[in-house]
Each structure stands twice: as C-alpha cells, then as structure tokens.
Amino acid sequence: MKSVCIIPARGGSKRIPRKNIKPFLGKPIIYYSIRAALDTGMFDEVMVSTDDAEIAEVAKSYGATVPFFRSEKNADDYATVAHVLNEVLGEYKAAGREFDYMCCIYPTAPFVTSERVGEAMKTLIDNELEGVVPVLKFSFPVQRAVRINDAGYLYMPTPEHYNTRSQDLEPTYHDSGSFYCLEIKSFLEQQILYPKKAMPLILKESEVQDIDTLEDWQVAEFKMEFYKR
C-alpha cells in the first residue's frame, strides 16, 4: 500500500498576498503542513503542488518534494481542489508512479498535527473506508438559524424549532477545512472529497482556525500561542 500527501499551494492568493509562505509565528505557514505530514512517517512522498517557484523552494527547504509544477489551468481562481488532485495523480501515473491512498493537507492549516493526520490515515486504511474527513461541531444549533429576507426582516427557516431546547436538537458538523484522507480509487471514481463511505474525525475548536483574512491570521497566531501547540 503506497500513500502520498499532497499540499496544494498556488502562488496567486488575493485576500492575503503570498499567503502560503507568509511567516506564521516565525516560519512560513506551509511549514506546519509539511512538518505534520513528514512526522507521521506514513507517506511514501510528501509533495507540494504549486505554480510558484518561490513556494517550491520554500517547500523543498522543509523536506517536501515538488516533482512538477502545476498547470496554468489549475492555478487560477476557478480550479477546485479536486482538479488539482486529479492533475497530480495524473502526472505521477504518467511518470510510472501510482498510489493507493492520499492525504490532502491545506498549506494554511498550522493547527494540523502529525497525530491527527496519522489517526485519520490509520482509520481510513484499517476500516477499508473511502475517506476520512475532519469535522467540527457547530457551536450553535443550525436548526435555530435565522435569515434576512429581501425586506430586511429576520425570519427563521425552520420555525418548528422556535421553542425546541438546544440540547434536544441533533448535533450538526462542518468541514474543518484542514485536510482530507482518501482512497485514491474511490476518489477517481466519485471525484468528491466526501466519498460515500467516509467517516468523520471530530476535532475540537482548539484544533482549527479558518484563515481567510488578516484578522483571521492574527486570531490564529494568538490561538496557537495560547494553546502552545
């Protein structure tokens, strides 16, 4: 059984320029994803998919490989993660290399640890699953959500839960946006990151921080230092 870790890191970040190699507590943020993958000891290769020469050099300096550069088509704002993964797997196949499992770790996921990635990969392989997806429980019941209509007034899409106690509502979860562990055969057939036979890996709030803005970045650094990860 062969496994590859793919870290997608294009150079054209808009909201936070050079986001994927911007210093995060003293190290380029992509370092944390590379380190987590390498420290599991479970991957035959830890590679970075990028279209950017500087990102490639940073990635290689921390132990990742960059065996080929990403195509221009899959480096624009419309390319999906699935498109990138397909391209990487296709390039490897063309070079005579194929893998059974893969883990896609986002380059701006400094809270990802080798322990959690290893746990997800072990769960995937031992249980003969198609995927393991890290998820986070919504901090407030989505059944009690409100929306704003065209007139600017609040309304409740599920009014039947207006008086339902929070503890009586079914827990709901959302994608942590940090990494995915997948069986490659199933991914190639289904072309989705949530395959039919996928199990969740439930994370805690202290293990996740979405980073889309500079404010998110500052919160993530504070959170990292607070938890001393």
C-alpha atoms as a PDB file:
ATOM      1  CA  MET A   1       0.000   0.000   0.000  1.00  0.00           C
ATOM      2  CA  LYS A   2       1.515   3.309  -1.074  1.00  0.00           C
ATOM      3  CA  SER A   3       0.424   6.724   0.183  1.00  0.00           C
ATOM      4  CA  VAL A   4       1.116  10.272  -0.918  1.00  0.00           C
ATOM      5  CA  CYS A   5       0.485  13.563   0.854  1.00  0.00           C
ATOM      6  CA  ILE A   6      -0.456  16.411  -1.472  1.00  0.00           C
ATOM      7  CA  ILE A   7      -0.258  20.021  -0.270  1.00  0.00           C
ATOM      8  CA  PRO A   8      -1.893  22.378  -2.821  1.00  0.00           C
ATOM      9  CA  ALA A   9      -0.237  25.814  -2.668  1.00  0.00           C
ATOM     10  CA  ARG A  10      -0.693  28.120  -5.625  1.00  0.00           C
ATOM     11  CA  GLY A  11       1.012  31.494  -5.762  1.00  0.00           C
ATOM     12  CA  GLY A  12      -1.930  33.752  -6.577  1.00  0.00           C
ATOM     13  CA  SER A  13      -3.608  34.356  -3.216  1.00  0.00           C
ATOM     14  CA  LYS A  14      -5.720  37.522  -3.386  1.00  0.00           C
ATOM     15  CA  ARG A  15      -7.001  38.340   0.109  1.00  0.00           C
ATOM     16  CA  ILE A  16      -3.670  37.699   1.842  1.00  0.00           C
ATOM     17  CA  PRO A  17      -0.797  38.206  -0.653  1.00  0.00           C
ATOM     18  CA  ARG A  18       1.782  35.392  -0.663  1.00  0.00           C
ATOM     19  CA  LYS A  19      -0.393  33.706   1.934  1.00  0.00           C
ATOM     20  CA  ASN A  20       1.058  30.219   1.575  1.00  0.00           C
ATOM     21  CA  ILE A  21       4.585  31.273   2.575  1.00  0.00           C
ATOM     22  CA  LYS A  22       3.749  34.265   4.788  1.00  0.00           C
ATOM     23  CA  PRO A  23       5.550  33.983   8.163  1.00  0.00           C
ATOM     24  CA  PHE A  24       3.357  32.483  10.879  1.00  0.00           C
ATOM     25  CA  LEU A  25       4.988  32.740  14.305  1.00  0.00           C
ATOM     26  CA  GLY A  26       8.395  32.863  12.654  1.00  0.00           C
ATOM     27  CA  LYS A  27       8.039  30.192   9.970  1.00  0.00           C
ATOM     28  CA  PRO A  28       6.360  30.149   6.542  1.00  0.00           C
ATOM     29  CA  ILE A  29       2.856  28.878   7.227  1.00  0.00           C
ATOM     30  CA  ILE A  30       3.237  25.991   4.773  1.00  0.00           C
ATOM     31  CA  TYR A  31       5.990  24.617   7.026  1.00  0.00           C
ATOM     32  CA  TYR A  32       3.408  23.379   9.550  1.00  0.00           C
ATOM     33  CA  SER A  33       1.549  21.296   6.964  1.00  0.00           C
ATOM     34  CA  ILE A  34       4.775  19.814   5.589  1.00  0.00           C
ATOM     35  CA  ARG A  35       6.071  19.013   9.062  1.00  0.00           C
ATOM     36  CA  ALA A  36       2.810  17.361  10.134  1.00  0.00           C
ATOM     37  CA  ALA A  37       2.839  15.130   7.054  1.00  0.00           C
ATOM     38  CA  LEU A  38       6.507  14.145   7.334  1.00  0.00           C
ATOM     39  CA  ASP A  39       6.280  13.415  11.044  1.00  0.00           C
ATOM     40  CA  THR A  40       3.558  10.800  10.547  1.00  0.00           C
ATOM     41  CA  GLY A  41       6.073   8.566   8.763  1.00  0.00           C
ATOM     42  CA  MET A  42       3.116   7.181   6.788  1.00  0.00           C
ATOM     43  CA  PHE A  43       3.720   8.706   3.355  1.00  0.00           C
ATOM     44  CA  ASP A  44       5.948   7.472   0.569  1.00  0.00           C
ATOM     45  CA  GLU A  45       6.079  11.061  -0.618  1.00  0.00           C
ATOM     46  CA  VAL A  46       5.067  14.469   0.730  1.00  0.00           C
ATOM     47  CA  MET A  47       4.686  16.803  -2.232  1.00  0.00           C
ATOM     48  CA  VAL A  48       3.594  20.378  -2.828  1.00  0.00           C
ATOM     49  CA  SER A  49       1.551  21.227  -5.905  1.00  0.00           C
ATOM     50  CA  THR A  50       2.375  24.792  -6.907  1.00  0.00           C
ATOM     51  CA  ASP A  51       2.782  27.068  -9.891  1.00  0.00           C
ATOM     52  CA  ASP A  52       5.174  29.344  -7.994  1.00  0.00           C
ATOM     53  CA  ALA A  53       8.984  28.970  -7.958  1.00  0.00           C
ATOM     54  CA  GLU A  54       9.426  30.679  -4.584  1.00  0.00           C
ATOM     55  CA  ILE A  55       6.822  28.450  -2.910  1.00  0.00           C
ATOM     56  CA  ALA A  56       8.547  25.449  -4.472  1.00  0.00           C
ATOM     57  CA  GLU A  57      11.920  26.428  -2.991  1.00  0.00           C
ATOM     58  CA  VAL A  58      10.434  27.035   0.461  1.00  0.00           C
ATOM     59  CA  ALA A  59       8.620  23.688   0.325  1.00  0.00           C
ATOM     60  CA  LYS A  60      11.775  21.799  -0.663  1.00  0.00           C
ATOM     61  CA  SER A  61      13.785  23.522   2.063  1.00  0.00           C
ATOM     62  CA  TYR A  62      11.463  21.936   4.649  1.00  0.00           C
ATOM     63  CA  GLY A  63      11.589  18.438   3.187  1.00  0.00           C
ATOM     64  CA  ALA A  64       8.725  18.307   0.695  1.00  0.00           C
ATOM     65  CA  THR A  65       9.159  17.426  -2.964  1.00  0.00           C
ATOM     66  CA  VAL A  66       7.994  19.431  -5.979  1.00  0.00           C
ATOM     67  CA  PRO A  67       8.360  16.878  -8.778  1.00  0.00           C
ATOM     68  CA  PHE A  68       6.451  19.033 -11.278  1.00  0.00           C
ATOM     69  CA  PHE A  69       4.741  22.419 -11.440  1.00  0.00           C
ATOM     70  CA  ARG A  70       1.009  22.926 -11.542  1.00  0.00           C
ATOM     71  CA  SER A  71      -0.526  23.796 -14.890  1.00  0.00           C
ATOM     72  CA  GLU A  72      -1.759  27.313 -15.562  1.00  0.00           C
ATOM     73  CA  LYS A  73      -5.299  25.961 -15.960  1.00  0.00           C
ATOM     74  CA  ASN A  74      -5.310  24.635 -12.400  1.00  0.00           C
ATOM     75  CA  ALA A  75      -3.645  27.701 -10.879  1.00  0.00           C
ATOM     76  CA  ASP A  76      -6.471  30.195 -11.422  1.00  0.00           C
ATOM     77  CA  ASP A  77      -9.306  31.250  -9.107  1.00  0.00           C
ATOM     78  CA  TYR A  78     -11.699  28.668 -10.537  1.00  0.00           C
ATOM     79  CA  ALA A  79      -9.671  25.499 -10.130  1.00  0.00           C
ATOM     80  CA  THR A  80     -11.031  23.229  -7.409  1.00  0.00           C
ATOM     81  CA  VAL A  81      -9.053  21.034  -5.031  1.00  0.00           C
ATOM     82  CA  ALA A  82     -10.403  18.002  -6.910  1.00  0.00           C
ATOM     83  CA  HIS A  83      -8.999  19.404 -10.175  1.00  0.00           C
ATOM     84  CA  VAL A  84      -5.580  19.825  -8.573  1.00  0.00           C
ATOM     85  CA  LEU A  85      -5.586  16.339  -7.054  1.00  0.00           C
ATOM     86  CA  ASN A  86      -6.555  14.824 -10.402  1.00  0.00           C
ATOM     87  CA  GLU A  87      -3.706  16.640 -12.094  1.00  0.00           C
ATOM     88  CA  VAL A  88      -1.165  15.499  -9.517  1.00  0.00           C
ATOM     89  CA  LEU A  89      -2.283  11.871  -9.694  1.00  0.00           C
ATOM     90  CA  GLY A  90      -2.226  12.036 -13.493  1.00  0.00           C
ATOM     91  CA  GLU A  91       1.323  13.413 -13.523  1.00  0.00           C
ATOM     92  CA  TYR A  92       2.511  10.680 -11.186  1.00  0.00           C
ATOM     93  CA  LYS A  93       0.819   7.994 -13.298  1.00  0.00           C
ATOM     94  CA  ALA A  94       2.458   9.360 -16.435  1.00  0.00           C
ATOM     95  CA  ALA A  95       5.800   9.032 -14.645  1.00  0.00           C
ATOM     96  CA  GLY A  96       5.046   5.407 -13.749  1.00  0.00           C
ATOM     97  CA  ARG A  97       4.098   6.005 -10.122  1.00  0.00           C
ATOM     98  CA  GLU A  98       0.731   5.183  -8.582  1.00  0.00           C
ATOM     99  CA  PHE A  99      -0.566   5.330  -5.011  1.00  0.00           C
ATOM    100  CA  ASP A 100      -3.380   3.645  -3.087  1.00  0.00           C
ATOM    101  CA  TYR A 101      -4.138   6.431  -0.589  1.00  0.00           C
ATOM    102  CA  MET A 102      -3.642  10.150  -0.375  1.00  0.00           C
ATOM    103  CA  CYS A 103      -3.960  12.896   2.175  1.00  0.00           C
ATOM    104  CA  CYS A 104      -4.565  16.446   1.009  1.00  0.00           C
ATOM    105  CA  ILE A 105      -3.432  18.988   3.623  1.00  0.00           C
ATOM    106  CA  TYR A 106      -4.103  22.660   3.035  1.00  0.00           C
ATOM    107  CA  PRO A 107      -0.983  24.873   3.185  1.00  0.00           C
ATOM    108  CA  THR A 108      -2.585  27.304   5.637  1.00  0.00           C
ATOM    109  CA  ALA A 109      -3.526  24.796   8.326  1.00  0.00           C
ATOM    110  CA  PRO A 110      -0.959  25.333  11.099  1.00  0.00           C
ATOM    111  CA  PHE A 111      -3.081  23.515  13.683  1.00  0.00           C
ATOM    112  CA  VAL A 112      -2.889  20.205  11.826  1.00  0.00           C
ATOM    113  CA  THR A 113      -0.744  17.705  13.714  1.00  0.00           C
ATOM    114  CA  SER A 114       1.001  14.512  12.713  1.00  0.00           C
ATOM    115  CA  GLU A 115      -1.026  12.710  15.379  1.00  0.00           C
ATOM    116  CA  ARG A 116      -4.354  13.705  13.828  1.00  0.00           C
ATOM    117  CA  VAL A 117      -3.226  13.010  10.268  1.00  0.00           C
ATOM    118  CA  GLY A 118      -1.846   9.652  11.353  1.00  0.00           C
ATOM    119  CA  GLU A 119      -5.072   8.845  13.175  1.00  0.00           C
ATOM    120  CA  ALA A 120      -7.121   9.688  10.080  1.00  0.00           C
ATOM    121  CA  MET A 121      -4.907   7.629   7.766  1.00  0.00           C
ATOM    122  CA  LYS A 122      -4.976   4.646  10.118  1.00  0.00           C
ATOM    123  CA  THR A 123      -8.775   4.852  10.379  1.00  0.00           C
ATOM    124  CA  LEU A 124      -9.033   5.036   6.590  1.00  0.00           C
ATOM    125  CA  ILE A 125      -6.827   2.021   5.949  1.00  0.00           C
ATOM    126  CA  ASP A 126      -7.808  -0.203   8.873  1.00  0.00           C
ATOM    127  CA  ASN A 127     -11.542   0.190   8.213  1.00  0.00           C
ATOM    128  CA  GLU A 128     -11.279  -0.076   4.415  1.00  0.00           C
ATOM    129  CA  LEU A 129     -13.011   3.286   4.007  1.00  0.00           C
ATOM    130  CA  GLU A 130     -13.150   5.615   1.028  1.00  0.00           C
ATOM    131  CA  GLY A 131     -12.383   8.700   3.086  1.00  0.00           C
ATOM    132  CA  VAL A 132     -11.888  10.290   6.484  1.00  0.00           C
ATOM    133  CA  VAL A 133     -12.904  13.938   6.819  1.00  0.00           C
ATOM    134  CA  PRO A 134     -12.021  16.091   9.862  1.00  0.00           C
ATOM    135  CA  VAL A 135     -15.124  17.933  11.031  1.00  0.00           C
ATOM    136  CA  LEU A 136     -16.046  20.435  13.717  1.00  0.00           C
ATOM    137  CA  LYS A 137     -19.320  20.623  15.619  1.00  0.00           C
ATOM    138  CA  PHE A 138     -21.315  23.801  15.011  1.00  0.00           C
ATOM    139  CA  SER A 139     -21.114  25.894  18.181  1.00  0.00           C
ATOM    140  CA  PHE A 140     -24.774  26.900  17.788  1.00  0.00           C
ATOM    141  CA  PRO A 141     -27.587  24.649  16.516  1.00  0.00           C
ATOM    142  CA  VAL A 142     -28.136  25.248  12.804  1.00  0.00           C
ATOM    143  CA  GLN A 143     -31.811  24.360  13.290  1.00  0.00           C
ATOM    144  CA  ARG A 144     -32.159  27.649  15.199  1.00  0.00           C
ATOM    145  CA  ALA A 145     -30.527  29.722  12.466  1.00  0.00           C
ATOM    146  CA  VAL A 146     -32.180  32.905  11.181  1.00  0.00           C
ATOM    147  CA  ARG A 147     -32.005  34.583   7.784  1.00  0.00           C
ATOM    148  CA  ILE A 148     -32.730  38.048   6.427  1.00  0.00           C
ATOM    149  CA  ASN A 149     -35.356  38.421   3.715  1.00  0.00           C
ATOM    150  CA  ASP A 150     -35.452  40.929   0.837  1.00  0.00           C
ATOM    151  CA  ALA A 151     -37.285  43.436   3.044  1.00  0.00           C
ATOM    152  CA  GLY A 152     -34.506  43.303   5.639  1.00  0.00           C
ATOM    153  CA  TYR A 153     -36.555  41.398   8.245  1.00  0.00           C
ATOM    154  CA  LEU A 154     -35.372  38.372  10.177  1.00  0.00           C
ATOM    155  CA  TYR A 155     -37.093  35.057   9.669  1.00  0.00           C
ATOM    156  CA  MET A 156     -36.478  31.504  10.822  1.00  0.00           C
ATOM    157  CA  PRO A 157     -36.257  28.898   8.022  1.00  0.00           C
ATOM    158  CA  THR A 158     -37.236  26.123  10.464  1.00  0.00           C
ATOM    159  CA  PRO A 159     -39.887  27.743  12.707  1.00  0.00           C
ATOM    160  CA  GLU A 160     -40.876  24.341  14.082  1.00  0.00           C
ATOM    161  CA  HIS A 161     -37.744  24.579  16.243  1.00  0.00           C
ATOM    162  CA  TYR A 162     -38.524  28.011  17.652  1.00  0.00           C
ATOM    163  CA  ASN A 163     -39.174  26.566  21.128  1.00  0.00           C
ATOM    164  CA  THR A 164     -37.035  23.445  20.875  1.00  0.00           C
ATOM    165  CA  ARG A 165     -34.315  23.266  23.502  1.00  0.00           C
ATOM    166  CA  SER A 166     -30.785  23.291  22.100  1.00  0.00           C
ATOM    167  CA  GLN A 167     -29.929  20.059  23.890  1.00  0.00           C
ATOM    168  CA  ASP A 168     -32.821  18.302  22.133  1.00  0.00           C
ATOM    169  CA  LEU A 169     -31.592  19.119  18.639  1.00  0.00           C
ATOM    170  CA  GLU A 170     -29.428  16.764  16.606  1.00  0.00           C
ATOM    171  CA  PRO A 171     -25.763  17.873  16.573  1.00  0.00           C
ATOM    172  CA  THR A 172     -24.507  19.095  13.199  1.00  0.00           C
ATOM    173  CA  TYR A 173     -20.954  19.410  11.923  1.00  0.00           C
ATOM    174  CA  HIS A 174     -18.997  21.261   9.259  1.00  0.00           C
ATOM    175  CA  ASP A 175     -15.839  20.538   7.309  1.00  0.00           C
ATOM    176  CA  SER A 176     -12.795  21.724   9.252  1.00  0.00           C
ATOM    177  CA  GLY A 177     -11.140  22.919   6.052  1.00  0.00           C
ATOM    178  CA  SER A 178      -7.784  21.489   7.070  1.00  0.00           C
ATOM    179  CA  PHE A 179      -7.152  18.094   5.447  1.00  0.00           C
ATOM    180  CA  TYR A 180      -8.764  15.063   3.784  1.00  0.00           C
ATOM    181  CA  CYS A 181      -7.635  11.437   3.709  1.00  0.00           C
ATOM    182  CA  LEU A 182      -8.886   9.481   0.706  1.00  0.00           C
ATOM    183  CA  GLU A 183      -8.665   6.139  -1.038  1.00  0.00           C
ATOM    184  CA  ILE A 184      -7.468   7.090  -4.497  1.00  0.00           C
ATOM    185  CA  LYS A 185      -9.514   4.552  -6.474  1.00  0.00           C
ATOM    186  CA  SER A 186     -12.751   5.864  -4.917  1.00  0.00           C
ATOM    187  CA  PHE A 187     -11.726   9.482  -5.428  1.00  0.00           C
ATOM    188  CA  LEU A 188     -11.044   8.926  -9.108  1.00  0.00           C
ATOM    189  CA  GLU A 189     -14.455   7.290  -9.494  1.00  0.00           C
ATOM    190  CA  GLN A 190     -16.502   9.782  -7.443  1.00  0.00           C
ATOM    191  CA  GLN A 191     -14.496  12.991  -7.886  1.00  0.00           C
ATOM    192  CA  ILE A 192     -15.504  14.333  -4.470  1.00  0.00           C
ATOM    193  CA  LEU A 193     -13.771  14.975  -1.150  1.00  0.00           C
ATOM    194  CA  TYR A 194     -16.713  13.495   0.793  1.00  0.00           C
ATOM    195  CA  PRO A 195     -16.987   9.999  -0.719  1.00  0.00           C
ATOM    196  CA  LYS A 196     -19.968   7.778   0.004  1.00  0.00           C
ATOM    197  CA  LYS A 197     -18.114   5.620   2.505  1.00  0.00           C
ATOM    198  CA  ALA A 198     -16.428   8.338   4.565  1.00  0.00           C
ATOM    199  CA  MET A 199     -16.141   8.630   8.326  1.00  0.00           C
ATOM    200  CA  PRO A 200     -15.681  11.818  10.349  1.00  0.00           C
ATOM    201  CA  LEU A 201     -12.721  12.695  12.520  1.00  0.00           C
ATOM    202  CA  ILE A 202     -14.217  15.063  15.072  1.00  0.00           C
ATOM    203  CA  LEU A 203     -11.885  17.906  16.037  1.00  0.00           C
ATOM    204  CA  LYS A 204     -12.025  20.428  18.867  1.00  0.00           C
ATOM    205  CA  GLU A 205     -12.217  24.208  18.473  1.00  0.00           C
ATOM    206  CA  SER A 206      -8.619  24.437  19.660  1.00  0.00           C
ATOM    207  CA  GLU A 207      -7.507  22.358  16.650  1.00  0.00           C
ATOM    208  CA  VAL A 208      -8.969  24.506  13.886  1.00  0.00           C
ATOM    209  CA  GLN A 209      -8.833  28.093  12.646  1.00  0.00           C
ATOM    210  CA  ASP A 210     -10.056  29.215   9.244  1.00  0.00           C
ATOM    211  CA  ILE A 211      -7.606  31.758   7.788  1.00  0.00           C
ATOM    212  CA  ASP A 212      -9.084  33.910   5.032  1.00  0.00           C
ATOM    213  CA  THR A 213      -8.309  37.455   6.220  1.00  0.00           C
ATOM    214  CA  LEU A 214      -5.517  39.230   8.075  1.00  0.00           C
ATOM    215  CA  GLU A 215      -7.768  39.336  11.130  1.00  0.00           C
ATOM    216  CA  ASP A 216      -8.147  35.536  10.916  1.00  0.00           C
ATOM    217  CA  TRP A 217      -4.354  35.327  10.717  1.00  0.00           C
ATOM    218  CA  GLN A 218      -3.909  37.337  13.910  1.00  0.00           C
ATOM    219  CA  VAL A 219      -6.524  35.242  15.705  1.00  0.00           C
ATOM    220  CA  ALA A 220      -4.760  32.050  14.572  1.00  0.00           C
ATOM    221  CA  GLU A 221      -1.383  33.233  15.872  1.00  0.00           C
ATOM    222  CA  PHE A 222      -2.931  34.227  19.208  1.00  0.00           C
ATOM    223  CA  LYS A 223      -4.731  30.896  19.406  1.00  0.00           C
ATOM    224  CA  MET A 224      -1.563  28.946  18.582  1.00  0.00           C
ATOM    225  CA  GLU A 225       0.403  30.744  21.280  1.00  0.00           C
ATOM    226  CA  PHE A 226      -2.427  30.385  23.804  1.00  0.00           C
ATOM    227  CA  TYR A 227      -2.617  26.638  23.355  1.00  0.00           C
ATOM    228  CA  LYS A 228       1.197  26.446  22.983  1.00  0.00           C
ATOM    229  CA  ARG A 229       0.986  23.980  20.140  1.00  0.00           C
END
